[in-house]
């Protein structure tokens, strides 16, 4: 960073990422970030979600984290919460799957059935 413009650009990118995380709009992506989730790659999943949403200029989706979701063998787990619909939980999510979840589920409304896990 060498100029004030560089600093302002960094500030804006950071604010945009925070807005994605804290948005109260209709879609939430909730990533299990307990010790088991982090060990299985949940940080990379959060980063992939944020990058894909920013790349697609999607601002009505929040990316949040939670503690243990309860199915450690399927970590990283991601809940997709869409207003007015049942929550969908995806298991064994990696960065590539996170990008596909944004493309198919968030953008097109298509649940990726083979990745869905039943928490009951």
N, C-alpha and C. Protein backbone atom coordinates (compact mmCIF):
# COMPACT_ATOMS: atom_id res chain seq x y z
N UNK A 1 0.85 -1.16 0.00
CA UNK A 1 0.00 0.00 0.00
C UNK A 1 0.90 1.23 0.00
N UNK A 2 0.74 2.04 -1.03
CA UNK A 2 1.63 3.18 -1.17
C UNK A 2 0.90 4.52 -1.23
N UNK A 3 -0.39 4.48 -1.51
CA UNK A 3 -1.12 5.73 -1.65
C UNK A 3 -2.40 5.71 -0.83
N UNK A 4 -2.98 6.87 -0.67
CA UNK A 4 -4.26 6.99 0.02
C UNK A 4 -5.35 6.25 -0.75
N UNK A 5 -5.25 6.25 -2.09
CA UNK A 5 -6.22 5.54 -2.91
C UNK A 5 -6.17 4.03 -2.63
N UNK A 6 -4.94 3.49 -2.45
CA UNK A 6 -4.79 2.07 -2.11
C UNK A 6 -5.47 1.77 -0.78
N UNK A 7 -5.27 2.64 0.18
CA UNK A 7 -5.89 2.46 1.50
C UNK A 7 -7.41 2.53 1.40
N UNK A 8 -7.92 3.48 0.64
CA UNK A 8 -9.37 3.60 0.47
C UNK A 8 -9.96 2.39 -0.25
N UNK A 9 -9.24 1.86 -1.24
CA UNK A 9 -9.71 0.67 -1.94
C UNK A 9 -9.75 -0.53 -1.00
N UNK A 10 -8.73 -0.69 -0.17
CA UNK A 10 -8.71 -1.77 0.82
C UNK A 10 -9.86 -1.61 1.81
N UNK A 11 -10.08 -0.40 2.27
CA UNK A 11 -11.18 -0.13 3.20
C UNK A 11 -12.52 -0.51 2.58
N UNK A 12 -12.73 -0.14 1.32
CA UNK A 12 -14.00 -0.44 0.66
C UNK A 12 -14.19 -1.95 0.49
N UNK A 13 -13.14 -2.66 0.08
CA UNK A 13 -13.24 -4.13 -0.06
C UNK A 13 -13.59 -4.77 1.28
N UNK A 14 -12.96 -4.30 2.34
CA UNK A 14 -13.23 -4.85 3.67
C UNK A 14 -14.66 -4.57 4.09
N UNK A 15 -15.13 -3.36 3.88
CA UNK A 15 -16.51 -3.02 4.22
C UNK A 15 -17.51 -3.85 3.41
N UNK A 16 -17.22 -4.07 2.13
CA UNK A 16 -18.09 -4.91 1.30
C UNK A 16 -18.17 -6.33 1.84
N UNK A 17 -17.02 -6.90 2.25
CA UNK A 17 -17.01 -8.24 2.81
C UNK A 17 -17.79 -8.30 4.13
N UNK A 18 -17.63 -7.29 4.96
CA UNK A 18 -18.38 -7.25 6.22
C UNK A 18 -19.88 -7.14 5.96
N UNK A 19 -20.26 -6.35 4.97
CA UNK A 19 -21.68 -6.24 4.64
C UNK A 19 -22.24 -7.56 4.18
N UNK A 20 -21.48 -8.35 3.42
CA UNK A 20 -21.93 -9.67 3.01
C UNK A 20 -22.16 -10.56 4.22
N UNK A 21 -21.26 -10.47 5.20
CA UNK A 21 -21.39 -11.30 6.39
C UNK A 21 -22.56 -10.90 7.26
N UNK A 22 -22.89 -9.61 7.30
CA UNK A 22 -23.87 -9.11 8.26
C UNK A 22 -25.22 -8.78 7.64
N UNK A 23 -25.40 -8.99 6.38
CA UNK A 23 -26.65 -8.66 5.71
C UNK A 23 -27.82 -9.36 6.38
N UNK A 24 -28.93 -8.68 6.53
CA UNK A 24 -30.13 -9.25 7.16
C UNK A 24 -31.17 -9.63 6.11
N UNK A 25 -30.74 -9.78 4.87
CA UNK A 25 -31.67 -10.06 3.78
C UNK A 25 -32.11 -11.51 3.75
N UNK A 26 -32.69 -11.91 2.65
CA UNK A 26 -33.46 -13.14 2.59
C UNK A 26 -32.68 -14.44 2.58
N UNK A 27 -31.39 -14.46 2.29
CA UNK A 27 -30.64 -15.71 2.24
C UNK A 27 -29.47 -15.63 3.22
N UNK A 28 -29.31 -16.72 3.99
CA UNK A 28 -28.16 -16.82 4.90
C UNK A 28 -27.42 -18.11 4.63
N UNK A 29 -26.11 -18.03 4.56
CA UNK A 29 -25.24 -19.20 4.48
C UNK A 29 -24.55 -19.31 5.83
N UNK A 30 -24.84 -20.37 6.57
CA UNK A 30 -24.33 -20.53 7.93
C UNK A 30 -23.34 -21.69 7.92
N UNK A 31 -22.09 -21.38 8.22
CA UNK A 31 -21.02 -22.38 8.18
C UNK A 31 -20.68 -22.82 9.60
N UNK A 32 -20.63 -24.13 9.81
CA UNK A 32 -20.25 -24.68 11.11
C UNK A 32 -18.76 -24.44 11.34
N UNK A 33 -18.45 -23.63 12.37
CA UNK A 33 -17.06 -23.25 12.62
C UNK A 33 -16.59 -23.68 14.00
N UNK A 34 -17.10 -24.82 14.48
CA UNK A 34 -16.53 -25.38 15.70
C UNK A 34 -15.17 -25.98 15.34
N UNK A 35 -14.48 -26.53 16.31
CA UNK A 35 -13.15 -27.08 16.06
C UNK A 35 -13.16 -28.10 14.94
N UNK A 36 -14.17 -28.96 14.91
CA UNK A 36 -14.24 -30.00 13.87
C UNK A 36 -14.42 -29.37 12.49
N UNK A 37 -15.25 -28.35 12.40
CA UNK A 37 -15.47 -27.68 11.12
C UNK A 37 -14.22 -26.98 10.62
N UNK A 38 -13.56 -26.27 11.52
CA UNK A 38 -12.33 -25.57 11.14
C UNK A 38 -11.27 -26.57 10.68
N UNK A 39 -11.13 -27.67 11.42
CA UNK A 39 -10.14 -28.69 11.06
C UNK A 39 -10.45 -29.30 9.70
N UNK A 40 -11.72 -29.36 9.33
CA UNK A 40 -12.12 -29.96 8.05
C UNK A 40 -12.09 -28.96 6.90
N UNK A 41 -11.81 -27.67 7.17
CA UNK A 41 -11.68 -26.70 6.09
C UNK A 41 -12.75 -25.62 6.03
N UNK A 42 -13.45 -25.38 7.12
CA UNK A 42 -14.55 -24.40 7.11
C UNK A 42 -14.08 -22.98 6.81
N UNK A 43 -12.88 -22.62 7.22
CA UNK A 43 -12.38 -21.26 6.91
C UNK A 43 -12.29 -21.05 5.40
N UNK A 44 -11.80 -22.06 4.70
CA UNK A 44 -11.70 -21.97 3.24
C UNK A 44 -13.08 -21.89 2.60
N UNK A 45 -14.05 -22.56 3.19
CA UNK A 45 -15.42 -22.52 2.69
C UNK A 45 -16.00 -21.11 2.83
N UNK A 46 -15.80 -20.50 3.99
CA UNK A 46 -16.28 -19.12 4.20
C UNK A 46 -15.63 -18.19 3.18
N UNK A 47 -14.32 -18.32 3.00
CA UNK A 47 -13.61 -17.48 2.04
C UNK A 47 -14.15 -17.68 0.63
N UNK A 48 -14.42 -18.92 0.24
CA UNK A 48 -14.96 -19.20 -1.09
C UNK A 48 -16.34 -18.58 -1.28
N UNK A 49 -17.20 -18.70 -0.25
CA UNK A 49 -18.52 -18.07 -0.32
C UNK A 49 -18.38 -16.57 -0.54
N UNK A 50 -17.55 -15.92 0.27
CA UNK A 50 -17.38 -14.47 0.18
C UNK A 50 -16.83 -14.06 -1.19
N UNK A 51 -15.85 -14.81 -1.69
CA UNK A 51 -15.28 -14.50 -3.00
C UNK A 51 -16.31 -14.67 -4.12
N UNK A 52 -17.06 -15.76 -4.08
CA UNK A 52 -18.04 -16.02 -5.14
C UNK A 52 -19.17 -15.00 -5.12
N UNK A 53 -19.64 -14.66 -3.93
CA UNK A 53 -20.70 -13.65 -3.82
C UNK A 53 -20.21 -12.30 -4.32
N UNK A 54 -18.97 -11.95 -3.96
CA UNK A 54 -18.41 -10.67 -4.42
C UNK A 54 -18.21 -10.68 -5.93
N UNK A 55 -17.71 -11.79 -6.47
CA UNK A 55 -17.49 -11.91 -7.91
C UNK A 55 -18.79 -11.73 -8.68
N UNK A 56 -19.87 -12.29 -8.15
CA UNK A 56 -21.17 -12.21 -8.81
C UNK A 56 -21.94 -10.94 -8.42
N UNK A 57 -21.33 -10.13 -7.55
CA UNK A 57 -21.95 -8.88 -7.07
C UNK A 57 -23.32 -9.14 -6.42
N UNK A 58 -23.38 -10.22 -5.62
CA UNK A 58 -24.59 -10.57 -4.89
C UNK A 58 -24.47 -9.96 -3.50
N UNK A 59 -25.41 -9.12 -3.15
CA UNK A 59 -25.31 -8.43 -1.86
C UNK A 59 -26.45 -8.77 -0.90
N UNK A 60 -27.42 -9.57 -1.32
CA UNK A 60 -28.55 -9.88 -0.45
C UNK A 60 -28.39 -11.23 0.25
N UNK A 61 -27.15 -11.70 0.37
CA UNK A 61 -26.86 -12.97 1.03
C UNK A 61 -25.87 -12.70 2.15
N UNK A 62 -26.18 -13.20 3.34
CA UNK A 62 -25.24 -13.06 4.44
C UNK A 62 -24.51 -14.37 4.66
N UNK A 63 -23.25 -14.27 5.00
CA UNK A 63 -22.42 -15.43 5.33
C UNK A 63 -22.08 -15.31 6.80
N UNK A 64 -22.54 -16.28 7.59
CA UNK A 64 -22.29 -16.24 9.02
C UNK A 64 -21.71 -17.56 9.47
N UNK A 65 -21.30 -17.59 10.71
CA UNK A 65 -20.76 -18.83 11.27
C UNK A 65 -21.53 -19.20 12.53
N UNK A 66 -21.43 -20.47 12.87
CA UNK A 66 -22.06 -20.96 14.08
C UNK A 66 -21.12 -21.98 14.70
N UNK A 67 -21.46 -22.43 15.87
CA UNK A 67 -20.68 -23.46 16.54
C UNK A 67 -21.01 -24.82 15.94
N UNK A 68 -20.93 -25.82 16.76
CA UNK A 68 -21.14 -27.19 16.30
C UNK A 68 -22.57 -27.38 15.80
N UNK A 69 -22.69 -27.93 14.61
CA UNK A 69 -24.00 -28.23 14.04
C UNK A 69 -24.43 -29.63 14.44
N UNK A 70 -23.47 -30.48 14.81
CA UNK A 70 -23.81 -31.76 15.41
C UNK A 70 -23.54 -33.01 14.60
N UNK A 71 -22.89 -32.87 13.46
CA UNK A 71 -22.62 -34.04 12.63
C UNK A 71 -21.17 -33.94 12.15
N UNK A 72 -20.24 -34.12 13.08
CA UNK A 72 -18.83 -33.85 12.82
C UNK A 72 -18.27 -34.63 11.63
N UNK A 73 -18.76 -35.83 11.41
CA UNK A 73 -18.24 -36.66 10.32
C UNK A 73 -18.54 -36.05 8.95
N UNK A 74 -19.50 -35.13 8.86
CA UNK A 74 -19.89 -34.50 7.60
C UNK A 74 -19.36 -33.07 7.47
N UNK A 75 -18.50 -32.63 8.38
CA UNK A 75 -17.95 -31.27 8.32
C UNK A 75 -17.06 -31.11 7.10
N UNK A 76 -16.95 -29.90 6.60
CA UNK A 76 -17.69 -28.70 6.94
C UNK A 76 -19.16 -28.79 6.52
N UNK A 77 -20.02 -28.38 7.44
CA UNK A 77 -21.46 -28.33 7.21
C UNK A 77 -21.88 -26.90 6.91
N UNK A 78 -22.82 -26.74 6.01
CA UNK A 78 -23.34 -25.42 5.65
C UNK A 78 -24.85 -25.49 5.61
N UNK A 79 -25.50 -24.60 6.36
CA UNK A 79 -26.95 -24.44 6.27
C UNK A 79 -27.25 -23.31 5.29
N UNK A 80 -28.16 -23.56 4.36
CA UNK A 80 -28.65 -22.52 3.46
C UNK A 80 -30.06 -22.19 3.93
N UNK A 81 -30.22 -20.98 4.43
CA UNK A 81 -31.49 -20.54 4.99
C UNK A 81 -32.09 -19.49 4.06
N UNK A 82 -33.19 -19.86 3.42
CA UNK A 82 -33.88 -18.96 2.51
C UNK A 82 -35.23 -18.64 3.14
N UNK A 83 -35.57 -17.37 3.21
CA UNK A 83 -36.83 -16.96 3.81
C UNK A 83 -38.00 -17.70 3.18
N UNK A 84 -38.85 -18.28 4.02
CA UNK A 84 -40.04 -18.95 3.55
C UNK A 84 -39.82 -20.38 3.07
N UNK A 85 -38.60 -20.90 3.21
CA UNK A 85 -38.31 -22.27 2.76
C UNK A 85 -37.67 -23.05 3.91
N UNK A 86 -37.66 -24.37 3.79
CA UNK A 86 -36.98 -25.20 4.76
C UNK A 86 -35.48 -25.01 4.64
N UNK A 87 -34.78 -25.07 5.76
CA UNK A 87 -33.32 -24.98 5.76
C UNK A 87 -32.74 -26.23 5.12
N UNK A 88 -31.76 -26.02 4.26
CA UNK A 88 -31.05 -27.13 3.61
C UNK A 88 -29.65 -27.18 4.18
N UNK A 89 -29.21 -28.39 4.60
CA UNK A 89 -27.87 -28.56 5.15
C UNK A 89 -27.04 -29.39 4.18
N UNK A 90 -25.91 -28.81 3.78
CA UNK A 90 -24.96 -29.51 2.91
C UNK A 90 -23.80 -30.01 3.75
N UNK A 91 -23.30 -31.21 3.43
CA UNK A 91 -22.17 -31.77 4.15
C UNK A 91 -20.95 -31.95 3.28
N UNK A 92 -19.79 -32.07 3.93
CA UNK A 92 -18.50 -32.25 3.26
C UNK A 92 -18.27 -31.16 2.22
N UNK A 93 -18.58 -29.92 2.58
CA UNK A 93 -18.44 -28.80 1.67
C UNK A 93 -16.97 -28.37 1.63
N UNK A 94 -16.48 -28.17 0.41
CA UNK A 94 -15.15 -27.59 0.23
C UNK A 94 -15.33 -26.30 -0.58
N UNK A 95 -14.23 -25.65 -0.93
CA UNK A 95 -14.32 -24.37 -1.64
C UNK A 95 -15.03 -24.52 -2.99
N UNK A 96 -14.75 -25.59 -3.69
CA UNK A 96 -15.39 -25.82 -4.99
C UNK A 96 -16.90 -26.01 -4.84
N UNK A 97 -17.29 -26.81 -3.86
CA UNK A 97 -18.72 -27.02 -3.62
C UNK A 97 -19.39 -25.72 -3.17
N UNK A 98 -18.68 -24.92 -2.38
CA UNK A 98 -19.24 -23.65 -1.92
C UNK A 98 -19.59 -22.77 -3.11
N UNK A 99 -18.69 -22.70 -4.09
CA UNK A 99 -18.96 -21.90 -5.29
C UNK A 99 -20.17 -22.44 -6.06
N UNK A 100 -20.29 -23.76 -6.12
CA UNK A 100 -21.42 -24.38 -6.82
C UNK A 100 -22.73 -24.16 -6.06
N UNK A 101 -22.66 -24.14 -4.74
CA UNK A 101 -23.85 -23.86 -3.93
C UNK A 101 -24.36 -22.45 -4.23
N UNK A 102 -23.43 -21.50 -4.35
CA UNK A 102 -23.85 -20.14 -4.70
C UNK A 102 -24.49 -20.15 -6.08
N UNK A 103 -23.84 -20.78 -7.05
CA UNK A 103 -24.33 -20.76 -8.43
C UNK A 103 -25.68 -21.46 -8.58
N UNK A 104 -25.81 -22.64 -7.98
CA UNK A 104 -27.02 -23.42 -8.20
C UNK A 104 -28.12 -23.12 -7.19
N UNK A 105 -27.80 -23.14 -5.91
CA UNK A 105 -28.84 -22.99 -4.89
C UNK A 105 -29.21 -21.52 -4.68
N UNK A 106 -28.21 -20.69 -4.43
CA UNK A 106 -28.50 -19.29 -4.13
C UNK A 106 -29.02 -18.55 -5.35
N UNK A 107 -28.34 -18.68 -6.47
CA UNK A 107 -28.72 -17.92 -7.67
C UNK A 107 -29.93 -18.53 -8.38
N UNK A 108 -29.92 -19.86 -8.57
CA UNK A 108 -30.96 -20.50 -9.37
C UNK A 108 -32.03 -21.23 -8.57
N UNK A 109 -31.87 -21.32 -7.25
CA UNK A 109 -32.87 -21.97 -6.41
C UNK A 109 -32.92 -23.47 -6.53
N UNK A 110 -31.85 -24.09 -7.03
CA UNK A 110 -31.81 -25.54 -7.22
C UNK A 110 -30.99 -26.20 -6.11
N UNK A 111 -31.64 -27.03 -5.30
CA UNK A 111 -30.96 -27.75 -4.24
C UNK A 111 -30.11 -28.85 -4.88
N UNK A 112 -28.87 -29.00 -4.41
CA UNK A 112 -27.97 -30.03 -4.92
C UNK A 112 -28.16 -31.25 -4.03
N UNK A 113 -29.08 -32.11 -4.43
CA UNK A 113 -29.56 -33.21 -3.59
C UNK A 113 -28.51 -34.16 -3.10
N UNK A 114 -27.51 -34.47 -3.91
CA UNK A 114 -26.51 -35.45 -3.50
C UNK A 114 -25.59 -34.95 -2.39
N UNK A 115 -25.58 -33.67 -2.10
CA UNK A 115 -24.74 -33.12 -1.03
C UNK A 115 -25.54 -32.86 0.26
N UNK A 116 -26.84 -32.99 0.20
CA UNK A 116 -27.70 -32.68 1.36
C UNK A 116 -27.55 -33.78 2.41
N UNK A 117 -27.45 -33.36 3.68
CA UNK A 117 -27.40 -34.31 4.79
C UNK A 117 -28.61 -34.09 5.66
N UNK A 118 -29.05 -35.17 6.30
CA UNK A 118 -30.17 -35.12 7.23
C UNK A 118 -29.58 -35.05 8.64
N UNK A 119 -29.87 -34.00 9.35
CA UNK A 119 -29.30 -33.81 10.70
C UNK A 119 -30.06 -34.58 11.77
N UNK A 120 -31.20 -35.16 11.44
CA UNK A 120 -32.00 -35.85 12.45
C UNK A 120 -31.51 -37.25 12.71
